[in-house]
Amino acid sequence: MKTILLIDDHELMRLFLVNYLNSEYEVIGVATIKEANAWIKYQHADLILADFPKNEDSLEMNQLQDLLQGSLTSLVVLTDQDKSEQRIKAMQWGAKDCLSKPFNPVELKLRIKYQLSL
């Protein structure tokens, strides 16, 4: 079973996504990029689904990018509604895909499925 590491500081959104995706994937939910960095050092994720980080998390996001270099782990970022500067920054961090919030959960599942099939 493929593993998804979910990074979202909103507990209700994190719980929703873990429950929604858990039928098809092993989903590990963490609240911060710092927690994700600690987890990814010792575990493998096939895909990381991350909410766009707050400004203070940019350093941790750069560290996550360094940890992912050379790996086959895909990064998918959820951005604020129609903020192209966030999508551009996410792509600079190495994101393979971005999806603006609010998003359709079915579309998210399809995008995840596509990334995991590459």
PDB file of N, CA and C in Angstrom:
ATOM      1  N   MET A   1       0.844  -1.173   0.000  1.00  0.00           N
ATOM      2  CA  MET A   1       0.000   0.000   0.000  1.00  0.00           C
ATOM      3  C   MET A   1       0.892   1.240   0.000  1.00  0.00           C
ATOM      4  N   LYS A   2       0.549   2.208  -0.827  1.00  0.00           N
ATOM      5  CA  LYS A   2       1.313   3.455  -0.911  1.00  0.00           C
ATOM      6  C   LYS A   2       1.077   4.304   0.342  1.00  0.00           C
ATOM      7  N   THR A   3       2.110   5.060   0.711  1.00  0.00           N
ATOM      8  CA  THR A   3       2.046   5.901   1.904  1.00  0.00           C
ATOM      9  C   THR A   3       2.017   7.369   1.518  1.00  0.00           C
ATOM     10  N   ILE A   4       1.082   8.100   2.129  1.00  0.00           N
ATOM     11  CA  ILE A   4       0.976   9.546   1.953  1.00  0.00           C
ATOM     12  C   ILE A   4       1.267  10.207   3.287  1.00  0.00           C
ATOM     13  N   LEU A   5       2.163  11.180   3.259  1.00  0.00           N
ATOM     14  CA  LEU A   5       2.426  12.013   4.426  1.00  0.00           C
ATOM     15  C   LEU A   5       1.666  13.307   4.226  1.00  0.00           C
ATOM     16  N   LEU A   6       0.722  13.581   5.104  1.00  0.00           N
ATOM     17  CA  LEU A   6      -0.143  14.753   5.013  1.00  0.00           C
ATOM     18  C   LEU A   6       0.322  15.795   6.019  1.00  0.00           C
ATOM     19  N   ILE A   7       0.553  17.023   5.533  1.00  0.00           N
ATOM     20  CA  ILE A   7       0.976  18.129   6.405  1.00  0.00           C
ATOM     21  C   ILE A   7      -0.097  19.202   6.357  1.00  0.00           C
ATOM     22  N   ASP A   8      -0.803  19.388   7.473  1.00  0.00           N
ATOM     23  CA  ASP A   8      -1.824  20.431   7.540  1.00  0.00           C
ATOM     24  C   ASP A   8      -2.010  20.833   8.997  1.00  0.00           C
ATOM     25  N   ASP A   9      -1.888  22.121   9.284  1.00  0.00           N
ATOM     26  CA  ASP A   9      -2.001  22.569  10.667  1.00  0.00           C
ATOM     27  C   ASP A   9      -3.449  22.703  11.144  1.00  0.00           C
ATOM     28  N   HIS A  10      -4.410  22.599  10.243  1.00  0.00           N
ATOM     29  CA  HIS A  10      -5.824  22.643  10.624  1.00  0.00           C
ATOM     30  C   HIS A  10      -6.283  21.231  10.959  1.00  0.00           C
ATOM     31  N   GLU A  11      -6.544  20.990  12.229  1.00  0.00           N
ATOM     32  CA  GLU A  11      -6.839  19.639  12.695  1.00  0.00           C
ATOM     33  C   GLU A  11      -8.042  19.017  11.983  1.00  0.00           C
ATOM     34  N   LEU A  12      -9.119  19.778  11.786  1.00  0.00           N
ATOM     35  CA  LEU A  12     -10.302  19.213  11.132  1.00  0.00           C
ATOM     36  C   LEU A  12     -10.021  18.831   9.683  1.00  0.00           C
ATOM     37  N   MET A  13      -9.290  19.661   8.966  1.00  0.00           N
ATOM     38  CA  MET A  13      -8.937  19.341   7.583  1.00  0.00           C
ATOM     39  C   MET A  13      -8.031  18.111   7.546  1.00  0.00           C
ATOM     40  N   ARG A  14      -7.082  18.050   8.466  1.00  0.00           N
ATOM     41  CA  ARG A  14      -6.165  16.910   8.519  1.00  0.00           C
ATOM     42  C   ARG A  14      -6.951  15.621   8.795  1.00  0.00           C
ATOM     43  N   LEU A  15      -7.869  15.660   9.746  1.00  0.00           N
ATOM     44  CA  LEU A  15      -8.681  14.486  10.057  1.00  0.00           C
ATOM     45  C   LEU A  15      -9.564  14.086   8.874  1.00  0.00           C
ATOM     46  N   PHE A  16     -10.155  15.074   8.209  1.00  0.00           N
ATOM     47  CA  PHE A  16     -10.977  14.783   7.041  1.00  0.00           C
ATOM     48  C   PHE A  16     -10.155  14.081   5.967  1.00  0.00           C
ATOM     49  N   LEU A  17      -9.000  14.652   5.640  1.00  0.00           N
ATOM     50  CA  LEU A  17      -8.179  14.079   4.564  1.00  0.00           C
ATOM     51  C   LEU A  17      -7.628  12.704   4.926  1.00  0.00           C
ATOM     52  N   VAL A  18      -7.220  12.524   6.169  1.00  0.00           N
ATOM     53  CA  VAL A  18      -6.740  11.210   6.590  1.00  0.00           C
ATOM     54  C   VAL A  18      -7.855  10.186   6.419  1.00  0.00           C
ATOM     55  N   ASN A  19      -9.049  10.501   6.896  1.00  0.00           N
ATOM     56  CA  ASN A  19     -10.176   9.572   6.776  1.00  0.00           C
ATOM     57  C   ASN A  19     -10.593   9.364   5.328  1.00  0.00           C
ATOM     58  N   TYR A  20     -10.575  10.410   4.535  1.00  0.00           N
ATOM     59  CA  TYR A  20     -10.997  10.326   3.141  1.00  0.00           C
ATOM     60  C   TYR A  20     -10.045   9.479   2.299  1.00  0.00           C
ATOM     61  N   LEU A  21      -8.755   9.619   2.545  1.00  0.00           N
ATOM     62  CA  LEU A  21      -7.750   8.923   1.736  1.00  0.00           C
ATOM     63  C   LEU A  21      -7.360   7.558   2.302  1.00  0.00           C
ATOM     64  N   ASN A  22      -7.713   7.305   3.553  1.00  0.00           N
ATOM     65  CA  ASN A  22      -7.266   6.103   4.253  1.00  0.00           C
ATOM     66  C   ASN A  22      -7.781   4.798   3.655  1.00  0.00           C
ATOM     67  N   SER A  23      -8.834   4.842   2.875  1.00  0.00           N
ATOM     68  CA  SER A  23      -9.349   3.600   2.297  1.00  0.00           C
ATOM     69  C   SER A  23      -8.442   3.059   1.189  1.00  0.00           C
ATOM     70  N   GLU A  24      -7.661   3.950   0.577  1.00  0.00           N
ATOM     71  CA  GLU A  24      -6.802   3.534  -0.534  1.00  0.00           C
ATOM     72  C   GLU A  24      -5.308   3.618  -0.230  1.00  0.00           C
ATOM     73  N   TYR A  25      -4.961   4.391   0.796  1.00  0.00           N
ATOM     74  CA  TYR A  25      -3.553   4.630   1.103  1.00  0.00           C
ATOM     75  C   TYR A  25      -3.330   4.574   2.608  1.00  0.00           C
ATOM     76  N   GLU A  26      -2.080   4.344   2.980  1.00  0.00           N
ATOM     77  CA  GLU A  26      -1.702   4.545   4.377  1.00  0.00           C
ATOM     78  C   GLU A  26      -1.403   6.034   4.506  1.00  0.00           C
ATOM     79  N   VAL A  27      -2.134   6.717   5.356  1.00  0.00           N
ATOM     80  CA  VAL A  27      -1.995   8.167   5.476  1.00  0.00           C
ATOM     81  C   VAL A  27      -1.500   8.514   6.875  1.00  0.00           C
ATOM     82  N   ILE A  28      -0.390   9.240   6.904  1.00  0.00           N
ATOM     83  CA  ILE A  28       0.191   9.725   8.146  1.00  0.00           C
ATOM     84  C   ILE A  28      -0.046  11.227   8.181  1.00  0.00           C
ATOM     85  N   GLY A  29      -0.729  11.717   9.198  1.00  0.00           N
ATOM     86  CA  GLY A  29      -1.015  13.146   9.302  1.00  0.00           C
ATOM     87  C   GLY A  29      -0.166  13.815  10.357  1.00  0.00           C
ATOM     88  N   VAL A  30       0.451  14.925   9.980  1.00  0.00           N
ATOM     89  CA  VAL A  30       1.220  15.744  10.923  1.00  0.00           C
ATOM     90  C   VAL A  30       0.771  17.195  10.777  1.00  0.00           C
ATOM     91  N   ALA A  31       0.996  17.974  11.836  1.00  0.00           N
ATOM     92  CA  ALA A  31       0.523  19.350  11.852  1.00  0.00           C
ATOM     93  C   ALA A  31       1.512  20.348  11.267  1.00  0.00           C
ATOM     94  N   THR A  32       2.803  20.018  11.308  1.00  0.00           N
ATOM     95  CA  THR A  32       3.809  20.995  10.886  1.00  0.00           C
ATOM     96  C   THR A  32       4.836  20.373   9.930  1.00  0.00           C
ATOM     97  N   ILE A  33       5.493  21.227   9.204  1.00  0.00           N
ATOM     98  CA  ILE A  33       6.562  20.782   8.310  1.00  0.00           C
ATOM     99  C   ILE A  33       7.740  20.263   9.140  1.00  0.00           C
ATOM    100  N   LYS A  34       7.942  20.852  10.292  1.00  0.00           N
ATOM    101  CA  LYS A  34       9.011  20.378  11.184  1.00  0.00           C
ATOM    102  C   LYS A  34       8.768  18.925  11.577  1.00  0.00           C
ATOM    103  N   GLU A  35       7.518  18.576  11.915  1.00  0.00           N
ATOM    104  CA  GLU A  35       7.179  17.183  12.230  1.00  0.00           C
ATOM    105  C   GLU A  35       7.397  16.290  11.003  1.00  0.00           C
ATOM    106  N   ALA A  36       7.024  16.803   9.841  1.00  0.00           N
ATOM    107  CA  ALA A  36       7.194  16.034   8.604  1.00  0.00           C
ATOM    108  C   ALA A  36       8.664  15.759   8.336  1.00  0.00           C
ATOM    109  N   ASN A  37       9.499  16.768   8.538  1.00  0.00           N
ATOM    110  CA  ASN A  37      10.940  16.588   8.322  1.00  0.00           C
ATOM    111  C   ASN A  37      11.506  15.514   9.244  1.00  0.00           C
ATOM    112  N   ALA A  38      11.058  15.514  10.502  1.00  0.00           N
ATOM    113  CA  ALA A  38      11.526  14.501  11.455  1.00  0.00           C
ATOM    114  C   ALA A  38      11.054  13.116  11.018  1.00  0.00           C
ATOM    115  N   TRP A  39       9.811  13.015  10.551  1.00  0.00           N
ATOM    116  CA  TRP A  39       9.251  11.724  10.139  1.00  0.00           C
ATOM    117  C   TRP A  39       9.953  11.194   8.884  1.00  0.00           C
ATOM    118  N   ILE A  40      10.151  12.078   7.900  1.00  0.00           N
ATOM    119  CA  ILE A  40      10.691  11.653   6.600  1.00  0.00           C
ATOM    120  C   ILE A  40      12.156  11.220   6.696  1.00  0.00           C
ATOM    121  N   LYS A  41      12.852  11.635   7.733  1.00  0.00           N
ATOM    122  CA  LYS A  41      14.246  11.212   7.904  1.00  0.00           C
ATOM    123  C   LYS A  41      14.356   9.710   8.142  1.00  0.00           C
ATOM    124  N   TYR A  42      13.309   9.126   8.743  1.00  0.00           N
ATOM    125  CA  TYR A  42      13.372   7.716   9.120  1.00  0.00           C
ATOM    126  C   TYR A  42      12.329   6.845   8.432  1.00  0.00           C
ATOM    127  N   GLN A  43      11.389   7.446   7.733  1.00  0.00           N
ATOM    128  CA  GLN A  43      10.310   6.707   7.083  1.00  0.00           C
ATOM    129  C   GLN A  43      10.270   7.092   5.611  1.00  0.00           C
ATOM    130  N   HIS A  44       9.535   6.290   4.827  1.00  0.00           N
ATOM    131  CA  HIS A  44       9.380   6.591   3.408  1.00  0.00           C
ATOM    132  C   HIS A  44       7.937   6.952   3.112  1.00  0.00           C
ATOM    133  N   ALA A  45       7.737   8.017   2.372  1.00  0.00           N
ATOM    134  CA  ALA A  45       6.407   8.382   1.874  1.00  0.00           C
ATOM    135  C   ALA A  45       6.478   8.373   0.356  1.00  0.00           C
ATOM    136  N   ASP A  46       5.450   7.823  -0.263  1.00  0.00           N
ATOM    137  CA  ASP A  46       5.386   7.836  -1.721  1.00  0.00           C
ATOM    138  C   ASP A  46       4.933   9.201  -2.234  1.00  0.00           C
ATOM    139  N   LEU A  47       4.170   9.910  -1.395  1.00  0.00           N
ATOM    140  CA  LEU A  47       3.667  11.227  -1.776  1.00  0.00           C
ATOM    141  C   LEU A  47       3.516  12.057  -0.514  1.00  0.00           C
ATOM    142  N   ILE A  48       3.834  13.333  -0.625  1.00  0.00           N
ATOM    143  CA  ILE A  48       3.598  14.281   0.465  1.00  0.00           C
ATOM    144  C   ILE A  48       2.538  15.258  -0.017  1.00  0.00           C
ATOM    145  N   LEU A  49       1.473  15.372   0.754  1.00  0.00           N
ATOM    146  CA  LEU A  49       0.396  16.319   0.486  1.00  0.00           C
ATOM    147  C   LEU A  49       0.492  17.391   1.559  1.00  0.00           C
ATOM    148  N   ALA A  50       0.833  18.614   1.154  1.00  0.00           N
ATOM    149  CA  ALA A  50       1.107  19.669   2.121  1.00  0.00           C
ATOM    150  C   ALA A  50       0.257  20.899   1.871  1.00  0.00           C
ATOM    151  N   ASP A  51      -0.299  21.415   2.941  1.00  0.00           N
ATOM    152  CA  ASP A  51      -0.939  22.715   2.882  1.00  0.00           C
ATOM    153  C   ASP A  51       0.171  23.745   2.706  1.00  0.00           C
ATOM    154  N   PHE A  52      -0.094  24.818   1.944  1.00  0.00           N
ATOM    155  CA  PHE A  52       0.942  25.823   1.716  1.00  0.00           C
ATOM    156  C   PHE A  52       1.376  26.386   3.068  1.00  0.00           C
ATOM    157  N   PRO A  53       2.672  26.402   3.333  1.00  0.00           N
ATOM    158  CA  PRO A  53       3.152  26.792   4.667  1.00  0.00           C
ATOM    159  C   PRO A  53       3.034  28.283   4.939  1.00  0.00           C
ATOM    160  N   LYS A  54       2.916  28.570   6.218  1.00  0.00           N
ATOM    161  CA  LYS A  54       2.975  29.966   6.657  1.00  0.00           C
ATOM    162  C   LYS A  54       4.393  30.472   6.448  1.00  0.00           C
ATOM    163  N   ASN A  55       4.555  31.786   6.457  1.00  0.00           N
ATOM    164  CA  ASN A  55       5.881  32.382   6.206  1.00  0.00           C
ATOM    165  C   ASN A  55       6.958  31.827   7.120  1.00  0.00           C
ATOM    166  N   GLU A  56       6.605  31.589   8.387  1.00  0.00           N
ATOM    167  CA  GLU A  56       7.623  31.129   9.327  1.00  0.00           C
ATOM    168  C   GLU A  56       8.065  29.691   9.056  1.00  0.00           C
ATOM    169  N   ASP A  57       7.327  28.981   8.217  1.00  0.00           N
ATOM    170  CA  ASP A  57       7.680  27.601   7.895  1.00  0.00           C
ATOM    171  C   ASP A  57       8.521  27.478   6.622  1.00  0.00           C
ATOM    172  N   SER A  58       8.896  28.582   6.016  1.00  0.00           N
ATOM    173  CA  SER A  58       9.649  28.533   4.761  1.00  0.00           C
ATOM    174  C   SER A  58      10.992  27.831   4.917  1.00  0.00           C
ATOM    175  N   LEU A  59      11.670  28.049   6.024  1.00  0.00           N
ATOM    176  CA  LEU A  59      12.959  27.387   6.260  1.00  0.00           C
ATOM    177  C   LEU A  59      12.768  25.876   6.344  1.00  0.00           C
ATOM    178  N   GLU A  60      11.727  25.441   7.063  1.00  0.00           N
ATOM    179  CA  GLU A  60      11.451  24.013   7.162  1.00  0.00           C
ATOM    180  C   GLU A  60      11.090  23.432   5.795  1.00  0.00           C
ATOM    181  N   MET A  61      10.375  24.216   4.968  1.00  0.00           N
ATOM    182  CA  MET A  61      10.017  23.743   3.632  1.00  0.00           C
ATOM    183  C   MET A  61      11.274  23.555   2.786  1.00  0.00           C
ATOM    184  N   ASN A  62      12.239  24.458   2.937  1.00  0.00           N
ATOM    185  CA  ASN A  62      13.519  24.298   2.229  1.00  0.00           C
ATOM    186  C   ASN A  62      14.244  23.037   2.697  1.00  0.00           C
ATOM    187  N   GLN A  63      14.160  22.739   4.003  1.00  0.00           N
ATOM    188  CA  GLN A  63      14.781  21.523   4.521  1.00  0.00           C
ATOM    189  C   GLN A  63      14.077  20.285   3.972  1.00  0.00           C
ATOM    190  N   LEU A  64      12.740  20.343   3.867  1.00  0.00           N
ATOM    191  CA  LEU A  64      11.994  19.229   3.285  1.00  0.00           C
ATOM    192  C   LEU A  64      12.417  19.022   1.837  1.00  0.00           C
ATOM    193  N   GLN A  65      12.565  20.097   1.110  1.00  0.00           N
ATOM    194  CA  GLN A  65      13.016  20.016  -0.290  1.00  0.00           C
ATOM    195  C   GLN A  65      14.373  19.319  -0.354  1.00  0.00           C
ATOM    196  N   ASP A  66      15.278  19.669   0.547  1.00  0.00           N
ATOM    197  CA  ASP A  66      16.599  19.027   0.575  1.00  0.00           C
ATOM    198  C   ASP A  66      16.481  17.528   0.862  1.00  0.00           C
ATOM    199  N   LEU A  67      15.587  17.163   1.797  1.00  0.00           N
ATOM    200  CA  LEU A  67      15.398  15.748   2.131  1.00  0.00           C
ATOM    201  C   LEU A  67      14.826  14.959   0.956  1.00  0.00           C
ATOM    202  N   LEU A  68      14.010  15.615   0.139  1.00  0.00           N
ATOM    203  CA  LEU A  68      13.353  14.932  -0.969  1.00  0.00           C
ATOM    204  C   LEU A  68      14.208  14.839  -2.229  1.00  0.00           C
ATOM    205  N   GLN A  69      15.271  15.635  -2.293  1.00  0.00           N
ATOM    206  CA  GLN A  69      16.100  15.621  -3.504  1.00  0.00           C
ATOM    207  C   GLN A  69      16.644  14.227  -3.771  1.00  0.00           C
ATOM    208  N   GLY A  70      16.451  13.786  -4.989  1.00  0.00           N
ATOM    209  CA  GLY A  70      16.927  12.476  -5.389  1.00  0.00           C
ATOM    210  C   GLY A  70      15.986  11.337  -5.048  1.00  0.00           C
ATOM    211  N   SER A  71      14.891  11.650  -4.361  1.00  0.00           N
ATOM    212  CA  SER A  71      13.938  10.592  -4.026  1.00  0.00           C
ATOM    213  C   SER A  71      12.812  10.561  -5.063  1.00  0.00           C
ATOM    214  N   LEU A  72      12.020   9.525  -5.011  1.00  0.00           N
ATOM    215  CA  LEU A  72      10.880   9.392  -5.915  1.00  0.00           C
ATOM    216  C   LEU A  72       9.592   9.908  -5.291  1.00  0.00           C
ATOM    217  N   THR A  73       9.682  10.539  -4.134  1.00  0.00           N
ATOM    218  CA  THR A  73       8.510  11.055  -3.443  1.00  0.00           C
ATOM    219  C   THR A  73       7.973  12.282  -4.156  1.00  0.00           C
ATOM    220  N   SER A  74       6.681  12.254  -4.485  1.00  0.00           N
ATOM    221  CA  SER A  74       6.023  13.402  -5.120  1.00  0.00           C
ATOM    222  C   SER A  74       5.505  14.354  -4.053  1.00  0.00           C
ATOM    223  N   LEU A  75       5.605  15.637  -4.332  1.00  0.00           N
ATOM    224  CA  LEU A  75       5.073  16.670  -3.446  1.00  0.00           C
ATOM    225  C   LEU A  75       3.891  17.328  -4.145  1.00  0.00           C
ATOM    226  N   VAL A  76       2.745  17.330  -3.473  1.00  0.00           N
ATOM    227  CA  VAL A  76       1.545  18.013  -3.957  1.00  0.00           C
ATOM    228  C   VAL A  76       1.187  19.048  -2.901  1.00  0.00           C
ATOM    229  N   VAL A  77       0.956  20.293  -3.334  1.00  0.00           N
ATOM    230  CA  VAL A  77       0.712  21.389  -2.405  1.00  0.00           C
ATOM    231  C   VAL A  77      -0.692  21.945  -2.606  1.00  0.00           C
ATOM    232  N   LEU A  78      -1.379  22.162  -1.490  1.00  0.00           N
ATOM    233  CA  LEU A  78      -2.684  22.818  -1.495  1.00  0.00           C
ATOM    234  C   LEU A  78      -2.453  24.300  -1.247  1.00  0.00           C
ATOM    235  N   THR A  79      -2.885  25.132  -2.179  1.00  0.00           N
ATOM    236  CA  THR A  79      -2.645  26.573  -2.088  1.00  0.00           C
ATOM    237  C   THR A  79      -3.950  27.312  -1.814  1.00  0.00           C
ATOM    238  N   ASP A  80      -3.810  28.554  -1.376  1.00  0.00           N
ATOM    239  CA  ASP A  80      -4.985  29.393  -1.177  1.00  0.00           C
ATOM    240  C   ASP A  80      -5.611  29.700  -2.527  1.00  0.00           C
ATOM    241  N   GLN A  81      -6.895  29.970  -2.492  1.00  0.00           N
ATOM    242  CA  GLN A  81      -7.667  30.173  -3.719  1.00  0.00           C
ATOM    243  C   GLN A  81      -7.006  31.179  -4.651  1.00  0.00           C
ATOM    244  N   ASP A  82      -6.697  30.704  -5.850  1.00  0.00           N
ATOM    245  CA  ASP A  82      -6.202  31.530  -6.953  1.00  0.00           C
ATOM    246  C   ASP A  82      -5.010  32.415  -6.616  1.00  0.00           C
ATOM    247  N   LYS A  83      -4.055  31.916  -5.878  1.00  0.00           N
ATOM    248  CA  LYS A  83      -2.857  32.696  -5.574  1.00  0.00           C
ATOM    249  C   LYS A  83      -1.697  32.117  -6.377  1.00  0.00           C
ATOM    250  N   SER A  84      -1.464  32.706  -7.544  1.00  0.00           N
ATOM    251  CA  SER A  84      -0.437  32.155  -8.429  1.00  0.00           C
ATOM    252  C   SER A  84       0.952  32.247  -7.797  1.00  0.00           C
ATOM    253  N   GLU A  85       1.206  33.243  -6.937  1.00  0.00           N
ATOM    254  CA  GLU A  85       2.529  33.337  -6.314  1.00  0.00           C
ATOM    255  C   GLU A  85       2.788  32.134  -5.404  1.00  0.00           C
ATOM    256  N   GLN A  86       1.732  31.603  -4.778  1.00  0.00           N
ATOM    257  CA  GLN A  86       1.899  30.392  -3.968  1.00  0.00           C
ATOM    258  C   GLN A  86       2.186  29.174  -4.846  1.00  0.00           C
ATOM    259  N   ARG A  87       1.496  29.075  -5.975  1.00  0.00           N
ATOM    260  CA  ARG A  87       1.744  27.949  -6.887  1.00  0.00           C
ATOM    261  C   ARG A  87       3.175  28.008  -7.432  1.00  0.00           C
ATOM    262  N   ILE A  88       3.634  29.204  -7.765  1.00  0.00           N
ATOM    263  CA  ILE A  88       5.006  29.373  -8.274  1.00  0.00           C
ATOM    264  C   ILE A  88       6.015  28.961  -7.204  1.00  0.00           C
ATOM    265  N   LYS A  89       5.803  29.414  -5.973  1.00  0.00           N
ATOM    266  CA  LYS A  89       6.720  29.069  -4.876  1.00  0.00           C
ATOM    267  C   LYS A  89       6.708  27.564  -4.633  1.00  0.00           C
ATOM    268  N   ALA A  90       5.521  26.954  -4.679  1.00  0.00           N
ATOM    269  CA  ALA A  90       5.415  25.504  -4.482  1.00  0.00           C
ATOM    270  C   ALA A  90       6.205  24.756  -5.557  1.00  0.00           C
ATOM    271  N   MET A  91       6.117  25.213  -6.793  1.00  0.00           N
ATOM    272  CA  MET A  91       6.870  24.579  -7.882  1.00  0.00           C
ATOM    273  C   MET A  91       8.371  24.766  -7.676  1.00  0.00           C
ATOM    274  N   GLN A  92       8.777  25.924  -7.157  1.00  0.00           N
ATOM    275  CA  GLN A  92      10.194  26.139  -6.863  1.00  0.00           C
ATOM    276  C   GLN A  92      10.677  25.194  -5.767  1.00  0.00           C
ATOM    277  N   TRP A  93       9.781  24.806  -4.859  1.00  0.00           N
ATOM    278  CA  TRP A  93      10.123  23.837  -3.815  1.00  0.00           C
ATOM    279  C   TRP A  93      10.135  22.416  -4.346  1.00  0.00           C
ATOM    280  N   GLY A  94       9.714  22.225  -5.595  1.00  0.00           N
ATOM    281  CA  GLY A  94       9.730  20.895  -6.183  1.00  0.00           C
ATOM    282  C   GLY A  94       8.382  20.212  -6.243  1.00  0.00           C
ATOM    283  N   ALA A  95       7.309  20.956  -6.019  1.00  0.00           N
ATOM    284  CA  ALA A  95       5.975  20.355  -6.097  1.00  0.00           C
ATOM    285  C   ALA A  95       5.707  19.854  -7.506  1.00  0.00           C
ATOM    286  N   LYS A  96       5.136  18.673  -7.595  1.00  0.00           N
ATOM    287  CA  LYS A  96       4.757  18.091  -8.889  1.00  0.00           C
ATOM    288  C   LYS A  96       3.367  18.539  -9.305  1.00  0.00           C
ATOM    289  N   ASP A  97       2.568  19.015  -8.331  1.00  0.00           N
ATOM    290  CA  ASP A  97       1.208  19.452  -8.612  1.00  0.00           C
ATOM    291  C   ASP A  97       0.764  20.393  -7.504  1.00  0.00           C
ATOM    292  N   CYS A  98      -0.184  21.259  -7.836  1.00  0.00           N
ATOM    293  CA  CYS A  98      -0.794  22.174  -6.874  1.00  0.00           C
ATOM    294  C   CYS A  98      -2.295  22.136  -7.088  1.00  0.00           C
ATOM    295  N   LEU A  99      -3.023  22.327  -6.019  1.00  0.00           N
ATOM    296  CA  LEU A  99      -4.472  22.376  -6.088  1.00  0.00           C
ATOM    297  C   LEU A  99      -4.927  23.497  -5.179  1.00  0.00           C
ATOM    298  N   SER A 100      -5.759  24.401  -5.714  1.00  0.00           N
ATOM    299  CA  SER A 100      -6.233  25.540  -4.939  1.00  0.00           C
ATOM    300  C   SER A 100      -7.404  25.145  -4.047  1.00  0.00           C
ATOM    301  N   LYS A 101      -7.429  25.725  -2.859  1.00  0.00           N
ATOM    302  CA  LYS A 101      -8.547  25.543  -1.941  1.00  0.00           C
ATOM    303  C   LYS A 101      -9.590  26.622  -2.217  1.00  0.00           C
ATOM    304  N   PRO A 102     -10.847  26.335  -2.069  1.00  0.00           N
ATOM    305  CA  PRO A 102     -11.404  25.024  -1.738  1.00  0.00           C
ATOM    306  C   PRO A 102     -11.278  24.095  -2.933  1.00  0.00           C
ATOM    307  N   PHE A 103     -11.100  22.822  -2.658  1.00  0.00           N
ATOM    308  CA  PHE A 103     -10.902  21.844  -3.720  1.00  0.00           C
ATOM    309  C   PHE A 103     -11.991  20.780  -3.660  1.00  0.00           C
ATOM    310  N   ASN A 104     -12.157  20.112  -4.774  1.00  0.00           N
ATOM    311  CA  ASN A 104     -13.083  18.991  -4.849  1.00  0.00           C
ATOM    312  C   ASN A 104     -12.313  17.746  -4.401  1.00  0.00           C
ATOM    313  N   PRO A 105     -12.773  17.046  -3.367  1.00  0.00           N
ATOM    314  CA  PRO A 105     -12.040  15.870  -2.887  1.00  0.00           C
ATOM    315  C   PRO A 105     -11.842  14.789  -3.956  1.00  0.00           C
ATOM    316  N   VAL A 106     -12.795  14.646  -4.857  1.00  0.00           N
ATOM    317  CA  VAL A 106     -12.648  13.652  -5.931  1.00  0.00           C
ATOM    318  C   VAL A 106     -11.494  14.052  -6.844  1.00  0.00           C
ATOM    319  N   GLU A 107     -11.392  15.332  -7.166  1.00  0.00           N
ATOM    320  CA  GLU A 107     -10.278  15.808  -7.991  1.00  0.00           C
ATOM    321  C   GLU A 107      -8.952  15.575  -7.277  1.00  0.00           C
ATOM    322  N   LEU A 108      -8.906  15.843  -5.979  1.00  0.00           N
ATOM    323  CA  LEU A 108      -7.680  15.608  -5.218  1.00  0.00           C
ATOM    324  C   LEU A 108      -7.275  14.138  -5.301  1.00  0.00           C
ATOM    325  N   LYS A 109      -8.222  13.237  -5.103  1.00  0.00           N
ATOM    326  CA  LYS A 109      -7.931  11.808  -5.177  1.00  0.00           C
ATOM    327  C   LYS A 109      -7.385  11.419  -6.551  1.00  0.00           C
ATOM    328  N   LEU A 110      -7.967  11.986  -7.604  1.00  0.00           N
ATOM    329  CA  LEU A 110      -7.499  11.690  -8.958  1.00  0.00           C
ATOM    330  C   LEU A 110      -6.083  12.213  -9.188  1.00  0.00           C
ATOM    331  N   ARG A 111      -5.797  13.398  -8.682  1.00  0.00           N
ATOM    332  CA  ARG A 111      -4.447  13.958  -8.835  1.00  0.00           C
ATOM    333  C   ARG A 111      -3.419  13.125  -8.069  1.00  0.00           C
ATOM    334  N   ILE A 112      -3.799  12.679  -6.885  1.00  0.00           N
ATOM    335  CA  ILE A 112      -2.903  11.821  -6.087  1.00  0.00           C
ATOM    336  C   ILE A 112      -2.669  10.505  -6.835  1.00  0.00           C
ATOM    337  N   LYS A 113      -3.737   9.907  -7.326  1.00  0.00           N
ATOM    338  CA  LYS A 113      -3.627   8.650  -8.066  1.00  0.00           C
ATOM    339  C   LYS A 113      -2.698   8.819  -9.267  1.00  0.00           C
ATOM    340  N   TYR A 114      -2.835   9.926  -9.978  1.00  0.00           N
ATOM    341  CA  TYR A 114      -1.977  10.194 -11.130  1.00  0.00           C
ATOM    342  C   TYR A 114      -0.509  10.310 -10.703  1.00  0.00           C
ATOM    343  N   GLN A 115      -0.246  11.077  -9.666  1.00  0.00           N
ATOM    344  CA  GLN A 115       1.147  11.262  -9.213  1.00  0.00           C
ATOM    345  C   GLN A 115       1.762   9.948  -8.775  1.00  0.00           C
ATOM    346  N   LEU A 116       0.982   9.106  -8.147  1.00  0.00           N
ATOM    347  CA  LEU A 116       1.503   7.833  -7.667  1.00  0.00           C
ATOM    348  C   LEU A 116       1.683   6.809  -8.788  1.00  0.00           C
ATOM    349  N   SER A 117       1.090   7.081  -9.931  1.00  0.00           N
ATOM    350  CA  SER A 117       1.240   6.157 -11.062  1.00  0.00           C
ATOM    351  C   SER A 117       2.454   6.475 -11.927  1.00  0.00           C
ATOM    352  N   LEU A 118       3.068   7.626 -11.709  1.00  0.00           N
ATOM    353  CA  LEU A 118       4.216   8.023 -12.532  1.00  0.00           C
ATOM    354  C   LEU A 118       5.465   7.225 -12.186  1.00  0.00           C
TER     355      LEU A 118
END
